[in-house]
N, C-alpha and C. Protein backbone atom coordinates (compact mmCIF):
# COMPACT_ATOMS: atom_id res chain seq x y z
N UNK A 1 -17.67 12.41 -1.38
CA UNK A 1 -17.45 10.42 -1.63
C UNK A 1 -15.69 10.19 -2.01
N UNK A 2 -15.09 11.35 -2.69
CA UNK A 2 -13.59 11.32 -3.20
C UNK A 2 -12.55 11.66 -1.91
N UNK A 3 -13.10 12.53 -1.48
CA UNK A 3 -12.07 13.05 -0.67
C UNK A 3 -11.88 12.07 0.76
N UNK A 4 -13.27 11.28 0.61
CA UNK A 4 -12.89 10.35 2.13
C UNK A 4 -12.38 9.10 1.75
N UNK A 5 -12.41 8.73 0.32
CA UNK A 5 -11.67 7.46 -0.41
C UNK A 5 -10.46 7.97 -0.05
N UNK A 6 -9.80 9.28 -0.81
CA UNK A 6 -8.33 9.57 -0.38
C UNK A 6 -7.78 9.38 1.22
N UNK A 7 -8.64 9.58 2.35
CA UNK A 7 -8.61 10.21 3.20
C UNK A 7 -8.08 8.16 3.18
N UNK A 8 -9.05 7.44 3.39
CA UNK A 8 -8.69 5.90 3.47
C UNK A 8 -7.52 5.42 3.09
N UNK A 9 -7.36 6.05 1.99
CA UNK A 9 -6.25 5.69 1.27
C UNK A 9 -5.47 5.92 1.66
N UNK A 10 -5.24 6.95 2.48
CA UNK A 10 -3.75 7.23 3.30
C UNK A 10 -3.38 6.93 4.42
N UNK A 11 -4.97 6.51 5.19
CA UNK A 11 -4.81 5.78 7.01
C UNK A 11 -4.99 4.26 6.45
N UNK A 12 -4.76 3.66 4.98
CA UNK A 12 -3.87 2.35 4.98
C UNK A 12 -2.87 2.04 4.71
N UNK A 13 -2.27 3.67 4.01
CA UNK A 13 -0.34 3.60 3.73
C UNK A 13 -0.18 4.39 4.95
N UNK A 14 -0.50 4.87 5.87
CA UNK A 14 0.03 5.02 7.72
C UNK A 14 -0.40 3.63 8.20
N UNK A 15 -0.86 2.52 7.70
CA UNK A 15 -0.46 1.36 8.43
C UNK A 15 0.45 0.89 7.82
N UNK A 16 1.01 0.62 7.09
CA UNK A 16 2.29 0.34 6.61
C UNK A 16 3.40 1.31 6.47
N UNK A 17 3.53 2.07 6.16
CA UNK A 17 4.41 3.10 6.03
C UNK A 17 4.67 3.71 7.30
N UNK A 18 5.93 4.20 8.63
CA UNK A 18 5.86 4.80 9.83
C UNK A 18 5.65 6.00 9.71
N UNK A 19 4.65 6.55 10.05
CA UNK A 19 4.64 8.33 10.07
C UNK A 19 4.08 8.45 11.89
N UNK A 20 4.47 9.99 12.00
CA UNK A 20 4.01 10.35 13.42
C UNK A 20 2.52 9.67 13.82
N UNK A 21 2.56 9.45 14.99
CA UNK A 21 1.13 9.47 15.66
C UNK A 21 -0.01 10.32 15.34
N UNK A 22 0.74 11.54 15.53
CA UNK A 22 0.14 13.10 15.41
C UNK A 22 -1.18 13.16 13.81
N UNK A 23 0.03 12.60 12.80
CA UNK A 23 -0.73 12.53 11.70
C UNK A 23 -1.84 11.82 11.38
N UNK A 24 -1.48 10.88 11.86
CA UNK A 24 -2.70 9.25 12.41
C UNK A 24 -3.88 10.26 12.77
N UNK A 25 -3.64 10.69 13.85
CA UNK A 25 -5.02 10.95 14.93
C UNK A 25 -5.50 12.08 13.72
N UNK A 26 -4.83 13.05 13.18
CA UNK A 26 -5.79 13.88 12.04
C UNK A 26 -6.46 13.76 10.98
N UNK A 27 -5.93 12.13 10.50
CA UNK A 27 -6.69 11.69 9.66
C UNK A 27 -7.78 11.06 10.24
N UNK A 28 -7.89 9.95 11.18
CA UNK A 28 -8.57 10.15 11.53
C UNK A 28 -9.60 10.99 12.15
N UNK A 29 -9.52 11.76 12.99
CA UNK A 29 -10.48 12.61 12.82
C UNK A 29 -11.43 13.12 11.33
N UNK A 30 -10.54 13.73 10.43
CA UNK A 30 -10.93 14.13 9.12
C UNK A 30 -11.51 13.02 8.40
N UNK A 31 -11.67 12.07 8.43
CA UNK A 31 -12.11 10.83 8.45
C UNK A 31 -13.59 10.61 8.98
N UNK A 32 -13.62 10.93 10.61
CA UNK A 32 -14.82 10.83 10.56
C UNK A 32 -16.05 11.80 10.66
N UNK A 33 -15.18 13.26 10.48
CA UNK A 33 -15.94 14.67 10.13
C UNK A 33 -16.33 14.28 8.91
N UNK A 34 -15.75 13.81 7.73
CA UNK A 34 -16.41 13.37 6.69
C UNK A 34 -17.34 12.41 6.82
N UNK A 35 -17.31 11.67 7.53
CA UNK A 35 -17.80 10.47 7.20
C UNK A 35 -19.63 10.87 7.55
N UNK A 36 -19.12 11.64 9.00
CA UNK A 36 -20.61 12.40 9.57
C UNK A 36 -21.16 13.51 8.45
N UNK A 37 -20.52 14.13 7.60
CA UNK A 37 -20.76 14.95 6.94
C UNK A 37 -21.59 13.90 5.53
N UNK A 38 -20.87 13.17 5.56
CA UNK A 38 -21.78 12.33 4.04
C UNK A 38 -22.97 11.63 4.68
N UNK A 39 -23.27 11.52 6.23
CA UNK A 39 -24.11 10.76 6.69
C UNK A 39 -25.70 11.77 6.87
N UNK A 40 -25.01 12.69 7.55
CA UNK A 40 -26.29 14.11 8.03
C UNK A 40 -26.37 14.58 6.42
N UNK A 41 -26.06 14.83 5.27
CA UNK A 41 -25.69 15.01 4.22
C UNK A 41 -27.32 14.12 3.41
N UNK A 42 -26.81 12.64 3.37
CA UNK A 42 -27.57 11.60 3.33
C UNK A 42 -29.18 11.47 4.02
N UNK A 43 -29.02 12.00 4.87
CA UNK A 43 -30.76 12.04 5.83
C UNK A 43 -31.21 12.94 4.83
N UNK A 44 -30.09 14.19 4.75
CA UNK A 44 -31.25 15.62 4.53
C UNK A 44 -31.83 15.52 3.20
N UNK A 45 -30.89 14.69 1.90
CA UNK A 45 -31.34 14.90 0.97
C UNK A 45 -32.44 13.75 0.58
N UNK A 46 -32.66 12.66 1.34
CA UNK A 46 -33.85 11.60 1.69
C UNK A 46 -34.64 12.39 2.20
N UNK A 47 -34.45 12.93 3.45
CA UNK A 47 -35.55 13.60 3.40
C UNK A 47 -36.57 14.85 2.84
N UNK A 48 -35.46 15.37 2.57
CA UNK A 48 -36.32 16.54 1.39
C UNK A 48 -36.62 16.18 -0.04
N UNK A 49 -36.22 14.75 -0.48
CA UNK A 49 -36.58 14.23 -1.34
C UNK A 49 -38.42 13.64 -1.20
N UNK A 50 -38.16 13.35 0.11
CA UNK A 50 -39.87 12.59 0.52
C UNK A 50 -40.92 13.98 1.18
N UNK A 51 -40.12 14.93 1.40
CA UNK A 51 -41.01 16.37 1.55
C UNK A 51 -41.38 16.66 0.60
N UNK A 52 -40.82 16.85 -0.35
CA UNK A 52 -40.84 17.41 -2.02
C UNK A 52 -41.94 16.55 -2.45
N UNK A 53 -41.93 15.41 -2.21
CA UNK A 53 -42.89 14.47 -2.90
C UNK A 53 -44.40 14.34 -2.05
N UNK A 54 -44.31 14.51 -1.13
CA UNK A 54 -45.47 15.18 -0.75
C UNK A 54 -46.32 16.23 -0.93
N UNK A 55 -45.54 17.42 -1.44
CA UNK A 55 -45.99 18.22 -1.75
C UNK A 55 -46.61 18.21 -3.44
N UNK A 56 -45.60 17.84 -3.88
CA UNK A 56 -45.72 17.64 -5.61
C UNK A 56 -46.60 16.29 -6.44
N UNK A 57 -46.86 15.37 -5.21
CA UNK A 57 -47.27 13.65 -5.38
C UNK A 57 -46.46 13.02 -6.73
N UNK A 58 -45.29 13.17 -6.61
CA UNK A 58 -44.23 12.59 -7.15
C UNK A 58 -42.98 11.97 -6.92
N UNK A 59 -42.61 11.21 -6.48
CA UNK A 59 -41.26 10.83 -5.84
C UNK A 59 -40.32 10.66 -6.18
N UNK A 60 -39.41 11.25 -5.99
CA UNK A 60 -38.25 10.95 -7.28
C UNK A 60 -37.07 10.49 -6.79
N UNK A 61 -37.16 9.17 -7.58
CA UNK A 61 -36.25 7.87 -6.51
C UNK A 61 -35.06 7.91 -6.91
N UNK A 62 -34.46 8.86 -7.56
CA UNK A 62 -33.08 8.61 -8.06
C UNK A 62 -32.17 9.04 -7.52
N UNK A 63 -32.25 10.49 -6.15
CA UNK A 63 -31.59 10.65 -5.33
C UNK A 63 -31.83 9.89 -3.93
N UNK A 64 -32.71 9.43 -4.12
CA UNK A 64 -32.52 8.92 -3.09
C UNK A 64 -31.93 7.24 -3.15
N UNK A 65 -31.75 6.73 -4.15
CA UNK A 65 -31.06 5.38 -4.46
C UNK A 65 -29.56 5.49 -4.32
N UNK A 66 -29.30 7.02 -5.19
CA UNK A 66 -27.93 7.15 -5.06
C UNK A 66 -27.45 7.46 -3.36
N UNK A 67 -28.12 8.17 -2.96
CA UNK A 67 -27.67 8.51 -1.52
C UNK A 67 -27.57 7.04 -0.84
N UNK A 68 -28.47 6.26 -0.64
CA UNK A 68 -28.07 5.38 -0.40
C UNK A 68 -27.73 3.93 -0.51
N UNK A 69 -26.60 4.26 -2.06
CA UNK A 69 -25.56 3.66 -2.25
C UNK A 69 -24.71 3.85 -1.50
N UNK A 70 -24.47 5.09 -1.63
CA UNK A 70 -23.19 6.42 -0.90
C UNK A 70 -23.14 6.03 0.23
N UNK A 71 -24.17 5.46 1.41
CA UNK A 71 -24.27 5.27 2.66
C UNK A 71 -23.35 3.97 2.80
N UNK A 72 -24.06 3.56 2.40
CA UNK A 72 -23.70 2.12 2.12
C UNK A 72 -22.18 1.54 1.59
N UNK A 73 -21.72 2.49 0.81
CA UNK A 73 -20.34 2.44 0.03
C UNK A 73 -19.34 3.15 1.32
N UNK A 74 -20.16 4.32 1.74
CA UNK A 74 -19.09 4.65 3.06
C UNK A 74 -19.08 3.68 4.06
N UNK A 75 -20.31 3.17 4.67
CA UNK A 75 -19.89 2.01 5.73
C UNK A 75 -19.03 1.14 5.65
N UNK A 76 -19.68 0.60 4.28
CA UNK A 76 -18.12 -0.67 3.78
C UNK A 76 -16.90 -0.37 4.24
N UNK A 77 -16.55 0.87 3.40
CA UNK A 77 -15.31 1.40 3.57
C UNK A 77 -14.93 1.59 4.77
N UNK A 78 -15.91 2.19 5.77
CA UNK A 78 -15.16 2.18 7.71
C UNK A 78 -15.10 1.22 8.11
N UNK A 79 -15.77 -0.03 7.52
CA UNK A 79 -15.86 -1.24 8.14
C UNK A 79 -14.93 -2.03 7.72
N UNK A 80 -14.28 -1.84 6.81
CA UNK A 80 -12.84 -2.45 5.93
C UNK A 80 -11.77 -1.63 7.10
N UNK A 81 -11.83 -0.68 6.97
CA UNK A 81 -10.59 0.04 7.52
C UNK A 81 -10.66 -0.20 8.78
N UNK A 82 -11.50 -0.46 9.71
CA UNK A 82 -11.54 -0.64 11.13
C UNK A 82 -11.29 -2.22 11.14
N UNK A 83 -11.12 -2.86 10.61
CA UNK A 83 -11.00 -4.88 10.50
C UNK A 83 -9.85 -4.66 10.09
N UNK A 84 -9.00 -3.87 8.96
CA UNK A 84 -7.70 -3.72 8.45
C UNK A 84 -6.74 -3.23 10.37
N UNK A 85 -7.41 -1.89 10.17
CA UNK A 85 -6.36 -1.71 11.90
C UNK A 85 -6.39 -2.76 12.77
N UNK A 86 -7.40 -3.45 12.81
CA UNK A 86 -7.69 -3.69 14.03
C UNK A 86 -6.73 -4.92 13.84
N UNK A 87 -6.91 -5.33 13.03
CA UNK A 87 -5.88 -6.74 12.25
C UNK A 87 -4.61 -6.34 12.51
N UNK A 88 -4.12 -5.51 11.95
CA UNK A 88 -2.77 -4.68 11.89
C UNK A 88 -2.57 -4.38 13.42
N UNK A 89 -3.30 -3.55 14.50
CA UNK A 89 -2.74 -2.80 15.20
C UNK A 89 -2.77 -4.45 16.51
N UNK A 90 -3.83 -5.42 16.32
CA UNK A 90 -4.04 -6.77 17.57
C UNK A 90 -3.99 -7.94 17.16
N UNK A 91 -3.25 -7.89 15.67
CA UNK A 91 -3.44 -9.27 15.30
C UNK A 91 -4.28 -10.25 14.77
N UNK A 92 -4.08 -11.93 14.48
CA UNK A 92 -5.44 -12.30 14.41
C UNK A 92 -5.39 -13.44 15.68
N UNK A 93 -6.25 -14.23 15.60
CA UNK A 93 -6.08 -15.19 16.65
C UNK A 93 -7.26 -16.29 16.25
N UNK A 94 -6.81 -17.37 16.70
CA UNK A 94 -7.79 -18.79 15.72
C UNK A 94 -7.88 -19.37 16.69
N UNK A 95 -9.00 -19.72 16.87
CA UNK A 95 -9.48 -20.61 18.26
C UNK A 95 -9.72 -20.24 19.04
N UNK A 96 -9.34 -20.70 20.70
CA UNK A 96 -9.67 -20.02 21.85
C UNK A 96 -7.99 -19.93 22.61
């Protein structure tokens, strides 16, 4: 998650400072790979916790809650970055 936040910060700073388009595209691809990794790891942890609870009859809720919080933070950062990127590249329009 820290690496993803670092990449998100780089992306925001690249919107302010002029950089080459190739570097921005590399950071975007890295963010996408990190995002899929966070999402798939979250699914793995949740499904593993549920599967272990089926065998042991004890549901360990802590990894499930932490994983859900991690996924929510990831999606909120992604939505915020997309909104900032759209605002900077496309502008803001009010009304019709």
